[in-house]
Amino acid sequence: MLVVRPTRREDHGEMLELARLAGIGMTSLPPDADVLEQKIARAVNSFSGKPEYPHAEAFLFSLEDTESGRIVGTTGVVAHVGIQRPFYSYKLSTIVQASEKVGVYSMNSVLHMVNDYTGATELGSLFLTSGYRRDGIGRFLSRCRHLMLAEFPHLFSDIVISEIRGVQDDGGESPFYNNLARYFFQMPFKRADFIYATQGGQFIADLMPRYPIYVKLLPEVAQATIGRPLAASLPAKHMLEEEGFTHGGYIDIFDAGPTMECARERIRTVRKSHKSPIIAVAEPQGGEKYMIANTSLEQFRMTRERLARTEEGVIITPACAAALGVGVGDEVRYGV
């Protein structure tokens, strides 16, 4: 059985291996032992209800194959971005200029560096090892976070975002970065991305110009990447769109990947999830597979298993009860 559970300190080695497999561009899962240790410690404090400071919760999950005991994937939720470290985006907007005297009307796309998503909840750190990219496991790993948003709404923002990796070439270089930010940072894309992942975005404020960037002044190869996802990230974008997320015109500072957004209460899984008591632990007659979670923050666990619904409550399998640490009389939250 596959179970999504809170990442523990003893998971550090396996999580570091996942981060290395994920590669450059996944800033929420940096392949740095010390930084990852700090992220895990922050997650442990968040699940225990003791964040370092108010609104500092950051939840990191491990996907465990209970048969092998191995961690085969990860996912996470940051309750409020930009509170401790600034969260930067480019906002794509339009400027219209006209001169009756010379008969010229000009409409230009421009990029403004903004902090508009400060305080928003961010979904990130989604990675699944190649052998498990099958049977809807990736979809489960992506969407199971929404059960947490539904169960603990007081911990999260009204707005939820997710950054999608932008276009990179075969060598892992970003055409957008190399034709814009590199002139100001004076370092390769991978180096800048690593610094952002491990040290935050203060250097962006220190080095990037605050003035609007006219898109037409960028080389065509850079223009073509604006708002476009990396091909490997297209499935993640499609899953978010199915849940109600849209691209509101914000892109990543480095690779120009789209930032998807949705009001928390309008996310499909949040809207359609249910909370019911367990009336029996047995092999249900029939029943379809659901994402099922317990309702404990500290021991929050999720799995995908058969469940039967009745007017009085739900019937879950013994394997599901054991995986979630629940029994008759406890409540679960579930969604298709």
C-alpha atoms as a PDB file:
ATOM      1  CA  MET A   1       0.000   0.000   0.000  1.00  0.00           C
ATOM      2  CA  LEU A   2       1.114   3.571  -0.696  1.00  0.00           C
ATOM      3  CA  VAL A   3       0.748   6.014   2.205  1.00  0.00           C
ATOM      4  CA  VAL A   4       1.421   9.754   2.262  1.00  0.00           C
ATOM      5  CA  ARG A   5       2.694  10.676   5.721  1.00  0.00           C
ATOM      6  CA  PRO A   6       4.608  13.521   7.410  1.00  0.00           C
ATOM      7  CA  THR A   7       8.310  13.515   6.586  1.00  0.00           C
ATOM      8  CA  ARG A   8      10.398  12.563   9.618  1.00  0.00           C
ATOM      9  CA  ARG A   9      13.960  13.492  10.541  1.00  0.00           C
ATOM     10  CA  GLU A  10      15.099   9.931   9.853  1.00  0.00           C
ATOM     11  CA  ASP A  11      13.869  10.289   6.242  1.00  0.00           C
ATOM     12  CA  HIS A  12      16.659  12.753   5.472  1.00  0.00           C
ATOM     13  CA  GLY A  13      18.841  10.379   3.460  1.00  0.00           C
ATOM     14  CA  GLU A  14      16.051   9.106   1.219  1.00  0.00           C
ATOM     15  CA  MET A  15      14.618  12.597   0.750  1.00  0.00           C
ATOM     16  CA  LEU A  16      18.035  13.899  -0.278  1.00  0.00           C
ATOM     17  CA  GLU A  17      18.222  11.183  -2.921  1.00  0.00           C
ATOM     18  CA  LEU A  18      14.790  12.216  -4.228  1.00  0.00           C
ATOM     19  CA  ALA A  19      15.961  15.847  -4.392  1.00  0.00           C
ATOM     20  CA  ARG A  20      18.983  14.810  -6.440  1.00  0.00           C
ATOM     21  CA  LEU A  21      16.794  12.835  -8.809  1.00  0.00           C
ATOM     22  CA  ALA A  22      14.439  15.826  -9.205  1.00  0.00           C
ATOM     23  CA  GLY A  23      17.308  17.967 -10.485  1.00  0.00           C
ATOM     24  CA  ILE A  24      17.694  21.696 -11.049  1.00  0.00           C
ATOM     25  CA  GLY A  25      14.583  23.845 -11.258  1.00  0.00           C
ATOM     26  CA  MET A  26      12.656  22.350  -8.352  1.00  0.00           C
ATOM     27  CA  THR A  27      13.501  25.078  -5.856  1.00  0.00           C
ATOM     28  CA  SER A  28      11.133  23.705  -3.204  1.00  0.00           C
ATOM     29  CA  LEU A  29      13.188  20.487  -2.992  1.00  0.00           C
ATOM     30  CA  PRO A  30      16.858  21.540  -3.109  1.00  0.00           C
ATOM     31  CA  PRO A  31      19.561  18.823  -3.295  1.00  0.00           C
ATOM     32  CA  ASP A  32      21.455  20.324  -0.361  1.00  0.00           C
ATOM     33  CA  ALA A  33      21.823  18.214   2.788  1.00  0.00           C
ATOM     34  CA  ASP A  34      21.853  21.106   5.271  1.00  0.00           C
ATOM     35  CA  VAL A  35      18.967  23.007   3.683  1.00  0.00           C
ATOM     36  CA  LEU A  36      16.893  19.841   3.394  1.00  0.00           C
ATOM     37  CA  GLU A  37      17.560  19.086   7.055  1.00  0.00           C
ATOM     38  CA  GLN A  38      16.186  22.540   7.909  1.00  0.00           C
ATOM     39  CA  LYS A  39      13.125  21.991   5.710  1.00  0.00           C
ATOM     40  CA  ILE A  40      12.396  18.687   7.418  1.00  0.00           C
ATOM     41  CA  ALA A  41      12.819  20.260  10.861  1.00  0.00           C
ATOM     42  CA  ARG A  42      10.410  23.022   9.852  1.00  0.00           C
ATOM     43  CA  ALA A  43       7.911  20.416   8.677  1.00  0.00           C
ATOM     44  CA  VAL A  44       8.207  18.454  11.933  1.00  0.00           C
ATOM     45  CA  ASN A  45       7.491  21.651  13.895  1.00  0.00           C
ATOM     46  CA  SER A  46       4.580  22.490  11.606  1.00  0.00           C
ATOM     47  CA  PHE A  47       2.900  19.117  11.998  1.00  0.00           C
ATOM     48  CA  SER A  48       3.315  19.355  15.772  1.00  0.00           C
ATOM     49  CA  GLY A  49       1.551  22.728  15.749  1.00  0.00           C
ATOM     50  CA  LYS A  50       4.684  24.580  16.861  1.00  0.00           C
ATOM     51  CA  PRO A  51       5.917  26.662  13.916  1.00  0.00           C
ATOM     52  CA  GLU A  52       8.921  28.903  14.432  1.00  0.00           C
ATOM     53  CA  TYR A  53       6.714  31.994  14.127  1.00  0.00           C
ATOM     54  CA  PRO A  54       3.041  32.680  13.255  1.00  0.00           C
ATOM     55  CA  HIS A  55       1.972  31.555   9.759  1.00  0.00           C
ATOM     56  CA  ALA A  56       5.342  29.832   9.200  1.00  0.00           C
ATOM     57  CA  GLU A  57       3.931  26.334   8.665  1.00  0.00           C
ATOM     58  CA  ALA A  58       5.489  24.338   5.844  1.00  0.00           C
ATOM     59  CA  PHE A  59       4.332  20.744   5.498  1.00  0.00           C
ATOM     60  CA  LEU A  60       6.512  18.173   3.743  1.00  0.00           C
ATOM     61  CA  PHE A  61       5.160  14.700   3.010  1.00  0.00           C
ATOM     62  CA  SER A  62       6.792  11.404   2.122  1.00  0.00           C
ATOM     63  CA  LEU A  63       5.079   8.841  -0.083  1.00  0.00           C
ATOM     64  CA  GLU A  64       5.959   5.473   1.444  1.00  0.00           C
ATOM     65  CA  ASP A  65       5.520   2.081  -0.141  1.00  0.00           C
ATOM     66  CA  THR A  66       4.604   0.127   2.991  1.00  0.00           C
ATOM     67  CA  GLU A  67       5.586  -3.194   1.415  1.00  0.00           C
ATOM     68  CA  SER A  68       9.195  -2.169   0.865  1.00  0.00           C
ATOM     69  CA  GLY A  69       9.376   0.596   3.471  1.00  0.00           C
ATOM     70  CA  ARG A  70      10.925   2.862   0.827  1.00  0.00           C
ATOM     71  CA  ILE A  71      10.098   6.502   0.188  1.00  0.00           C
ATOM     72  CA  VAL A  72       9.157   6.758  -3.479  1.00  0.00           C
ATOM     73  CA  GLY A  73       7.831  10.300  -3.736  1.00  0.00           C
ATOM     74  CA  THR A  74       7.246  13.557  -1.934  1.00  0.00           C
ATOM     75  CA  THR A  75       4.940  16.536  -1.936  1.00  0.00           C
ATOM     76  CA  GLY A  76       4.417  19.601   0.210  1.00  0.00           C
ATOM     77  CA  VAL A  77       2.414  22.677   1.150  1.00  0.00           C
ATOM     78  CA  VAL A  78       3.742  26.038   2.358  1.00  0.00           C
ATOM     79  CA  ALA A  79       0.995  27.721   4.346  1.00  0.00           C
ATOM     80  CA  HIS A  80       2.005  31.323   3.565  1.00  0.00           C
ATOM     81  CA  VAL A  81       4.801  32.301   1.175  1.00  0.00           C
ATOM     82  CA  GLY A  82       6.813  35.500   1.411  1.00  0.00           C
ATOM     83  CA  ILE A  83       6.384  36.027   5.154  1.00  0.00           C
ATOM     84  CA  GLN A  84      10.013  35.458   6.126  1.00  0.00           C
ATOM     85  CA  ARG A  85      11.665  35.646   2.702  1.00  0.00           C
ATOM     86  CA  PRO A  86      10.279  37.762  -0.159  1.00  0.00           C
ATOM     87  CA  PHE A  87       8.406  35.852  -2.861  1.00  0.00           C
ATOM     88  CA  TYR A  88       8.989  37.355  -6.301  1.00  0.00           C
ATOM     89  CA  SER A  89       7.090  36.926  -9.549  1.00  0.00           C
ATOM     90  CA  TYR A  90       6.899  38.680 -12.865  1.00  0.00           C
ATOM     91  CA  LYS A  91       3.430  39.959 -13.690  1.00  0.00           C
ATOM     92  CA  LEU A  92       2.653  40.127 -17.394  1.00  0.00           C
ATOM     93  CA  SER A  93       0.574  43.195 -18.204  1.00  0.00           C
ATOM     94  CA  THR A  94      -0.152  45.542 -21.093  1.00  0.00           C
ATOM     95  CA  ILE A  95       0.854  49.170 -21.601  1.00  0.00           C
ATOM     96  CA  VAL A  96      -0.909  51.243 -24.260  1.00  0.00           C
ATOM     97  CA  GLN A  97       0.725  54.369 -25.670  1.00  0.00           C
ATOM     98  CA  ALA A  98      -0.660  56.592 -28.388  1.00  0.00           C
ATOM     99  CA  SER A  99       0.149  59.836 -30.155  1.00  0.00           C
ATOM    100  CA  GLU A 100      -2.545  61.506 -32.259  1.00  0.00           C
ATOM    101  CA  LYS A 101       0.028  63.909 -33.599  1.00  0.00           C
ATOM    102  CA  VAL A 102       2.025  61.255 -35.416  1.00  0.00           C
ATOM    103  CA  GLY A 103      -0.802  58.724 -35.735  1.00  0.00           C
ATOM    104  CA  VAL A 104       0.844  55.953 -33.707  1.00  0.00           C
ATOM    105  CA  TYR A 105      -0.967  53.582 -31.391  1.00  0.00           C
ATOM    106  CA  SER A 106       1.266  51.165 -29.527  1.00  0.00           C
ATOM    107  CA  MET A 107       0.277  48.242 -27.281  1.00  0.00           C
ATOM    108  CA  ASN A 108       3.134  46.474 -25.515  1.00  0.00           C
ATOM    109  CA  SER A 109       3.438  43.551 -23.113  1.00  0.00           C
ATOM    110  CA  VAL A 110       5.607  44.329 -20.103  1.00  0.00           C
ATOM    111  CA  LEU A 111       6.905  42.380 -17.136  1.00  0.00           C
ATOM    112  CA  HIS A 112       6.718  43.923 -13.659  1.00  0.00           C
ATOM    113  CA  MET A 113       8.568  42.344 -10.747  1.00  0.00           C
ATOM    114  CA  VAL A 114       6.039  42.052  -7.916  1.00  0.00           C
ATOM    115  CA  ASN A 115       5.342  40.444  -4.540  1.00  0.00           C
ATOM    116  CA  ASP A 116       1.605  40.048  -5.191  1.00  0.00           C
ATOM    117  CA  TYR A 117       1.455  36.480  -3.879  1.00  0.00           C
ATOM    118  CA  THR A 118       2.814  37.334  -0.447  1.00  0.00           C
ATOM    119  CA  GLY A 119       0.782  35.354   2.074  1.00  0.00           C
ATOM    120  CA  ALA A 120      -0.621  32.881  -0.465  1.00  0.00           C
ATOM    121  CA  THR A 121      -0.504  29.128   0.117  1.00  0.00           C
ATOM    122  CA  GLU A 122       1.876  27.307  -2.228  1.00  0.00           C
ATOM    123  CA  LEU A 123       1.707  23.711  -3.401  1.00  0.00           C
ATOM    124  CA  GLY A 124       5.161  22.387  -4.248  1.00  0.00           C
ATOM    125  CA  SER A 125       7.862  19.747  -3.778  1.00  0.00           C
ATOM    126  CA  LEU A 126       5.946  17.289  -5.968  1.00  0.00           C
ATOM    127  CA  PHE A 127       8.197  14.482  -7.170  1.00  0.00           C
ATOM    128  CA  LEU A 128       7.647  10.800  -7.874  1.00  0.00           C
ATOM    129  CA  THR A 129      10.305   8.224  -8.777  1.00  0.00           C
ATOM    130  CA  SER A 130      10.064   6.855 -12.288  1.00  0.00           C
ATOM    131  CA  GLY A 131       8.976   3.335 -11.329  1.00  0.00           C
ATOM    132  CA  TYR A 132       5.827   4.704  -9.675  1.00  0.00           C
ATOM    133  CA  ARG A 133       4.637   6.990 -12.456  1.00  0.00           C
ATOM    134  CA  ARG A 134       1.697   4.740 -13.229  1.00  0.00           C
ATOM    135  CA  ASP A 135      -1.798   3.751 -12.154  1.00  0.00           C
ATOM    136  CA  GLY A 136      -2.782   7.290 -11.187  1.00  0.00           C
ATOM    137  CA  ILE A 137      -0.193   7.476  -8.391  1.00  0.00           C
ATOM    138  CA  GLY A 138       1.072  10.871  -9.549  1.00  0.00           C
ATOM    139  CA  ARG A 139      -2.466  12.234  -9.636  1.00  0.00           C
ATOM    140  CA  PHE A 140      -3.072  10.942  -6.106  1.00  0.00           C
ATOM    141  CA  LEU A 141       0.181  12.473  -4.849  1.00  0.00           C
ATOM    142  CA  SER A 142      -0.711  15.829  -6.381  1.00  0.00           C
ATOM    143  CA  ARG A 143      -4.336  15.973  -5.284  1.00  0.00           C
ATOM    144  CA  CYS A 144      -4.023  14.475  -1.806  1.00  0.00           C
ATOM    145  CA  ARG A 145      -2.716  17.838  -0.561  1.00  0.00           C
ATOM    146  CA  HIS A 146      -6.134  19.300  -1.225  1.00  0.00           C
ATOM    147  CA  LEU A 147      -7.603  17.077   1.490  1.00  0.00           C
ATOM    148  CA  MET A 148      -5.304  18.853   3.921  1.00  0.00           C
ATOM    149  CA  LEU A 149      -6.506  22.254   2.690  1.00  0.00           C
ATOM    150  CA  ALA A 150     -10.077  21.088   3.221  1.00  0.00           C
ATOM    151  CA  GLU A 151      -9.486  19.626   6.685  1.00  0.00           C
ATOM    152  CA  PHE A 152      -7.446  22.510   8.141  1.00  0.00           C
ATOM    153  CA  PRO A 153      -8.615  25.651   6.300  1.00  0.00           C
ATOM    154  CA  HIS A 154      -7.621  27.916   9.207  1.00  0.00           C
ATOM    155  CA  LEU A 155      -3.958  27.117   8.539  1.00  0.00           C
ATOM    156  CA  PHE A 156      -3.998  28.279   4.924  1.00  0.00           C
ATOM    157  CA  SER A 157      -4.624  31.297   2.742  1.00  0.00           C
ATOM    158  CA  ASP A 158      -7.757  31.935   0.703  1.00  0.00           C
ATOM    159  CA  ILE A 159      -5.528  31.839  -2.401  1.00  0.00           C
ATOM    160  CA  VAL A 160      -3.522  28.773  -3.402  1.00  0.00           C
ATOM    161  CA  ILE A 161      -0.744  28.838  -5.997  1.00  0.00           C
ATOM    162  CA  SER A 162       1.612  26.392  -7.661  1.00  0.00           C
ATOM    163  CA  GLU A 163       4.653  27.257  -9.767  1.00  0.00           C
ATOM    164  CA  ILE A 164       5.162  25.133 -12.869  1.00  0.00           C
ATOM    165  CA  ARG A 165       8.692  24.637 -14.141  1.00  0.00           C
ATOM    166  CA  GLY A 166       9.431  26.686 -17.238  1.00  0.00           C
ATOM    167  CA  VAL A 167      11.150  25.821 -20.497  1.00  0.00           C
ATOM    168  CA  GLN A 168      14.709  24.518 -20.340  1.00  0.00           C
ATOM    169  CA  ASP A 169      16.910  23.224 -23.135  1.00  0.00           C
ATOM    170  CA  ASP A 170      18.536  19.793 -23.273  1.00  0.00           C
ATOM    171  CA  GLY A 171      21.443  21.083 -21.185  1.00  0.00           C
ATOM    172  CA  GLY A 172      19.165  22.326 -18.408  1.00  0.00           C
ATOM    173  CA  GLU A 173      19.598  25.975 -19.352  1.00  0.00           C
ATOM    174  CA  SER A 174      16.743  28.484 -19.304  1.00  0.00           C
ATOM    175  CA  PRO A 175      16.509  30.658 -22.458  1.00  0.00           C
ATOM    176  CA  PHE A 176      14.509  33.219 -20.486  1.00  0.00           C
ATOM    177  CA  TYR A 177      17.092  33.476 -17.718  1.00  0.00           C
ATOM    178  CA  ASN A 178      20.049  33.581 -20.090  1.00  0.00           C
ATOM    179  CA  ASN A 179      18.539  36.489 -22.029  1.00  0.00           C
ATOM    180  CA  LEU A 180      17.429  38.555 -19.068  1.00  0.00           C
ATOM    181  CA  ALA A 181      18.378  37.795 -15.464  1.00  0.00           C
ATOM    182  CA  ARG A 182      21.881  36.545 -16.263  1.00  0.00           C
ATOM    183  CA  TYR A 183      22.924  40.060 -17.301  1.00  0.00           C
ATOM    184  CA  PHE A 184      22.176  41.259 -13.770  1.00  0.00           C
ATOM    185  CA  PHE A 185      23.094  38.216 -11.667  1.00  0.00           C
ATOM    186  CA  GLN A 186      26.298  37.464 -13.621  1.00  0.00           C
ATOM    187  CA  MET A 187      26.088  33.743 -12.843  1.00  0.00           C
ATOM    188  CA  PRO A 188      24.754  30.628 -14.608  1.00  0.00           C
ATOM    189  CA  PHE A 189      21.078  29.671 -14.317  1.00  0.00           C
ATOM    190  CA  LYS A 190      21.785  26.584 -12.206  1.00  0.00           C
ATOM    191  CA  ARG A 191      23.821  28.618  -9.719  1.00  0.00           C
ATOM    192  CA  ALA A 192      21.152  31.308  -9.357  1.00  0.00           C
ATOM    193  CA  ASP A 193      18.423  28.687  -9.030  1.00  0.00           C
ATOM    194  CA  PHE A 194      20.393  26.888  -6.314  1.00  0.00           C
ATOM    195  CA  ILE A 195      20.972  30.100  -4.350  1.00  0.00           C
ATOM    196  CA  TYR A 196      17.258  30.913  -4.526  1.00  0.00           C
ATOM    197  CA  ALA A 197      16.388  27.417  -3.305  1.00  0.00           C
ATOM    198  CA  THR A 198      18.848  27.419  -0.422  1.00  0.00           C
ATOM    199  CA  GLN A 199      19.173  31.061   0.637  1.00  0.00           C
ATOM    200  CA  GLY A 200      15.985  32.775  -0.479  1.00  0.00           C
ATOM    201  CA  GLY A 201      15.341  35.655  -2.858  1.00  0.00           C
ATOM    202  CA  GLN A 202      17.056  38.643  -1.242  1.00  0.00           C
ATOM    203  CA  PHE A 203      19.670  38.690  -4.018  1.00  0.00           C
ATOM    204  CA  ILE A 204      16.831  39.182  -6.510  1.00  0.00           C
ATOM    205  CA  ALA A 205      15.872  42.425  -4.783  1.00  0.00           C
ATOM    206  CA  ASP A 206      19.537  43.428  -4.608  1.00  0.00           C
ATOM    207  CA  LEU A 207      20.402  42.827  -8.267  1.00  0.00           C
ATOM    208  CA  MET A 208      17.329  42.809 -10.513  1.00  0.00           C
ATOM    209  CA  PRO A 209      16.009  46.102 -11.935  1.00  0.00           C
ATOM    210  CA  ARG A 210      12.675  47.262 -10.564  1.00  0.00           C
ATOM    211  CA  TYR A 211      11.655  48.885 -13.827  1.00  0.00           C
ATOM    212  CA  PRO A 212       9.229  47.210 -16.285  1.00  0.00           C
ATOM    213  CA  ILE A 213      10.776  44.900 -18.867  1.00  0.00           C
ATOM    214  CA  TYR A 214       9.355  45.377 -22.370  1.00  0.00           C
ATOM    215  CA  VAL A 215       8.829  41.884 -23.774  1.00  0.00           C
ATOM    216  CA  LYS A 216       9.507  43.033 -27.360  1.00  0.00           C
ATOM    217  CA  LEU A 217      13.058  43.945 -26.376  1.00  0.00           C
ATOM    218  CA  LEU A 218      13.852  40.355 -25.436  1.00  0.00           C
ATOM    219  CA  PRO A 219      15.161  37.913 -28.064  1.00  0.00           C
ATOM    220  CA  GLU A 220      12.439  35.797 -29.655  1.00  0.00           C
ATOM    221  CA  VAL A 221      13.804  32.632 -28.048  1.00  0.00           C
ATOM    222  CA  ALA A 222      13.160  34.180 -24.629  1.00  0.00           C
ATOM    223  CA  GLN A 223       9.768  35.639 -25.584  1.00  0.00           C
ATOM    224  CA  ALA A 224       8.589  32.210 -26.715  1.00  0.00           C
ATOM    225  CA  THR A 225       9.088  30.712 -23.251  1.00  0.00           C
ATOM    226  CA  ILE A 226       6.966  33.199 -21.289  1.00  0.00           C
ATOM    227  CA  GLY A 227       4.186  31.343 -19.492  1.00  0.00           C
ATOM    228  CA  ARG A 228       5.102  28.018 -21.106  1.00  0.00           C
ATOM    229  CA  PRO A 229       5.725  24.934 -18.948  1.00  0.00           C
ATOM    230  CA  LEU A 230       8.548  22.458 -19.331  1.00  0.00           C
ATOM    231  CA  ALA A 231       7.238  19.516 -21.368  1.00  0.00           C
ATOM    232  CA  ALA A 232       7.747  17.168 -18.417  1.00  0.00           C
ATOM    233  CA  SER A 233       5.624  19.496 -16.248  1.00  0.00           C
ATOM    234  CA  LEU A 234       2.616  19.559 -18.590  1.00  0.00           C
ATOM    235  CA  PRO A 235       0.822  16.715 -16.751  1.00  0.00           C
ATOM    236  CA  ALA A 236       1.155  18.611 -13.461  1.00  0.00           C
ATOM    237  CA  LYS A 237      -0.309  21.721 -15.101  1.00  0.00           C
ATOM    238  CA  HIS A 238      -3.212  19.734 -16.558  1.00  0.00           C
ATOM    239  CA  MET A 239      -3.997  18.193 -13.166  1.00  0.00           C
ATOM    240  CA  LEU A 240      -4.129  21.646 -11.602  1.00  0.00           C
ATOM    241  CA  GLU A 241      -6.412  22.881 -14.380  1.00  0.00           C
ATOM    242  CA  GLU A 242      -8.762  19.959 -13.735  1.00  0.00           C
ATOM    243  CA  GLU A 243      -8.902  21.100 -10.118  1.00  0.00           C
ATOM    244  CA  GLY A 244      -9.868  24.643 -11.122  1.00  0.00           C
ATOM    245  CA  PHE A 245      -6.466  26.370 -11.253  1.00  0.00           C
ATOM    246  CA  THR A 246      -5.791  28.977 -13.939  1.00  0.00           C
ATOM    247  CA  HIS A 247      -2.813  31.017 -15.087  1.00  0.00           C
ATOM    248  CA  GLY A 248      -3.388  34.595 -13.963  1.00  0.00           C
ATOM    249  CA  GLY A 249      -0.493  36.171 -15.870  1.00  0.00           C
ATOM    250  CA  TYR A 250       2.247  35.646 -13.284  1.00  0.00           C
ATOM    251  CA  ILE A 251       5.461  33.837 -14.213  1.00  0.00           C
ATOM    252  CA  ASP A 252       8.632  32.676 -12.510  1.00  0.00           C
ATOM    253  CA  ILE A 253      11.463  35.207 -12.292  1.00  0.00           C
ATOM    254  CA  PHE A 254      14.055  32.751 -13.593  1.00  0.00           C
ATOM    255  CA  ASP A 255      12.502  30.375 -16.120  1.00  0.00           C
ATOM    256  CA  ALA A 256       9.216  32.174 -16.987  1.00  0.00           C
ATOM    257  CA  GLY A 257       7.124  29.119 -16.072  1.00  0.00           C
ATOM    258  CA  PRO A 258       3.445  29.862 -15.306  1.00  0.00           C
ATOM    259  CA  THR A 259       2.189  30.303 -11.759  1.00  0.00           C
ATOM    260  CA  MET A 260      -1.203  28.631 -11.415  1.00  0.00           C
ATOM    261  CA  GLU A 261      -3.729  29.953  -8.901  1.00  0.00           C
ATOM    262  CA  CYS A 262      -7.140  29.122  -7.449  1.00  0.00           C
ATOM    263  CA  ALA A 263      -9.264  30.241  -4.520  1.00  0.00           C
ATOM    264  CA  ARG A 264      -8.908  27.529  -1.867  1.00  0.00           C
ATOM    265  CA  GLU A 265     -12.637  26.936  -1.528  1.00  0.00           C
ATOM    266  CA  ARG A 266     -13.025  26.597  -5.315  1.00  0.00           C
ATOM    267  CA  ILE A 267     -10.502  23.767  -5.682  1.00  0.00           C
ATOM    268  CA  ARG A 268     -12.467  20.781  -6.954  1.00  0.00           C
ATOM    269  CA  THR A 269     -11.237  18.278  -4.385  1.00  0.00           C
ATOM    270  CA  VAL A 270     -11.763  20.750  -1.538  1.00  0.00           C
ATOM    271  CA  ARG A 271     -15.332  21.444  -2.680  1.00  0.00           C
ATOM    272  CA  LYS A 272     -16.237  17.803  -3.206  1.00  0.00           C
ATOM    273  CA  SER A 273     -14.505  16.213  -0.231  1.00  0.00           C
ATOM    274  CA  HIS A 274     -16.557  14.753   2.612  1.00  0.00           C
ATOM    275  CA  LYS A 275     -15.971  14.145   6.303  1.00  0.00           C
ATOM    276  CA  SER A 276     -17.676  11.168   7.953  1.00  0.00           C
ATOM    277  CA  PRO A 277     -17.328   8.868  10.970  1.00  0.00           C
ATOM    278  CA  ILE A 278     -16.108   5.316  10.521  1.00  0.00           C
ATOM    279  CA  ILE A 279     -18.927   2.920  11.368  1.00  0.00           C
ATOM    280  CA  ALA A 280     -17.093  -0.284  10.512  1.00  0.00           C
ATOM    281  CA  VAL A 281     -13.663  -1.608   9.599  1.00  0.00           C
ATOM    282  CA  ALA A 282     -14.265  -4.446   7.155  1.00  0.00           C
ATOM    283  CA  GLU A 283     -13.934  -5.350   3.518  1.00  0.00           C
ATOM    284  CA  PRO A 284     -16.767  -3.304   1.996  1.00  0.00           C
ATOM    285  CA  GLN A 285     -19.179  -4.930  -0.413  1.00  0.00           C
ATOM    286  CA  GLY A 286     -18.374  -3.057  -3.576  1.00  0.00           C
ATOM    287  CA  GLY A 287     -17.239   0.474  -2.917  1.00  0.00           C
ATOM    288  CA  GLU A 288     -14.911   2.524  -5.088  1.00  0.00           C
ATOM    289  CA  LYS A 289     -11.439   3.856  -4.444  1.00  0.00           C
ATOM    290  CA  TYR A 290     -11.138   7.222  -2.731  1.00  0.00           C
ATOM    291  CA  MET A 291      -8.375   9.410  -1.413  1.00  0.00           C
ATOM    292  CA  ILE A 292      -8.823   9.013   2.332  1.00  0.00           C
ATOM    293  CA  ALA A 293      -7.168  10.979   5.155  1.00  0.00           C
ATOM    294  CA  ASN A 294      -7.375  10.974   8.914  1.00  0.00           C
ATOM    295  CA  THR A 295      -8.089  14.230  10.754  1.00  0.00           C
ATOM    296  CA  SER A 296      -5.021  14.486  13.016  1.00  0.00           C
ATOM    297  CA  LEU A 297      -2.570  17.261  12.128  1.00  0.00           C
ATOM    298  CA  GLU A 298       0.432  15.718  13.879  1.00  0.00           C
ATOM    299  CA  GLN A 299      -0.211  12.248  12.470  1.00  0.00           C
ATOM    300  CA  PHE A 300      -1.880  13.338   9.221  1.00  0.00           C
ATOM    301  CA  ARG A 301      -1.805  10.431   6.774  1.00  0.00           C
ATOM    302  CA  MET A 302      -3.460   9.779   3.421  1.00  0.00           C
ATOM    303  CA  THR A 303      -3.924   6.759   1.210  1.00  0.00           C
ATOM    304  CA  ARG A 304      -6.040   5.558  -1.694  1.00  0.00           C
ATOM    305  CA  GLU A 305      -8.318   2.639  -0.920  1.00  0.00           C
ATOM    306  CA  ARG A 306     -11.850   1.299  -1.275  1.00  0.00           C
ATOM    307  CA  LEU A 307     -14.527   2.891   0.881  1.00  0.00           C
ATOM    308  CA  ALA A 308     -18.270   2.308   1.165  1.00  0.00           C
ATOM    309  CA  ARG A 309     -20.602   5.180   2.045  1.00  0.00           C
ATOM    310  CA  THR A 310     -23.770   4.864   4.133  1.00  0.00           C
ATOM    311  CA  GLU A 311     -26.143   7.375   5.696  1.00  0.00           C
ATOM    312  CA  GLU A 312     -24.548   6.762   9.101  1.00  0.00           C
ATOM    313  CA  GLY A 313     -20.931   6.957   7.983  1.00  0.00           C
ATOM    314  CA  VAL A 314     -18.311   5.025   6.031  1.00  0.00           C
ATOM    315  CA  ILE A 315     -16.842   1.540   5.992  1.00  0.00           C
ATOM    316  CA  ILE A 316     -13.105   1.306   5.352  1.00  0.00           C
ATOM    317  CA  THR A 317     -10.865  -1.685   4.889  1.00  0.00           C
ATOM    318  CA  PRO A 318      -8.630  -3.032   7.700  1.00  0.00           C
ATOM    319  CA  ALA A 319      -5.560  -2.137   5.626  1.00  0.00           C
ATOM    320  CA  CYS A 320      -6.789   1.458   5.290  1.00  0.00           C
ATOM    321  CA  ALA A 321      -7.540   1.702   9.029  1.00  0.00           C
ATOM    322  CA  ALA A 322      -4.054   0.466   9.871  1.00  0.00           C
ATOM    323  CA  ALA A 323      -2.411   2.835   7.373  1.00  0.00           C
ATOM    324  CA  LEU A 324      -4.258   5.877   8.728  1.00  0.00           C
ATOM    325  CA  GLY A 325      -4.156   4.865  12.398  1.00  0.00           C
ATOM    326  CA  VAL A 326      -7.937   5.098  12.797  1.00  0.00           C
ATOM    327  CA  GLY A 327     -10.781   2.897  13.990  1.00  0.00           C
ATOM    328  CA  VAL A 328     -14.531   2.807  14.485  1.00  0.00           C
ATOM    329  CA  GLY A 329     -15.804   6.142  15.785  1.00  0.00           C
ATOM    330  CA  ASP A 330     -12.934   8.181  14.292  1.00  0.00           C
ATOM    331  CA  GLU A 331     -13.585  10.525  11.393  1.00  0.00           C
ATOM    332  CA  VAL A 332     -11.964  10.524   7.978  1.00  0.00           C
ATOM    333  CA  ARG A 333     -11.994  13.013   5.118  1.00  0.00           C
ATOM    334  CA  TYR A 334     -12.234  11.565   1.646  1.00  0.00           C
ATOM    335  CA  GLY A 335     -12.645  12.518  -1.977  1.00  0.00           C
ATOM    336  CA  VAL A 336     -12.735  10.828  -5.357  1.00  0.00           C
END
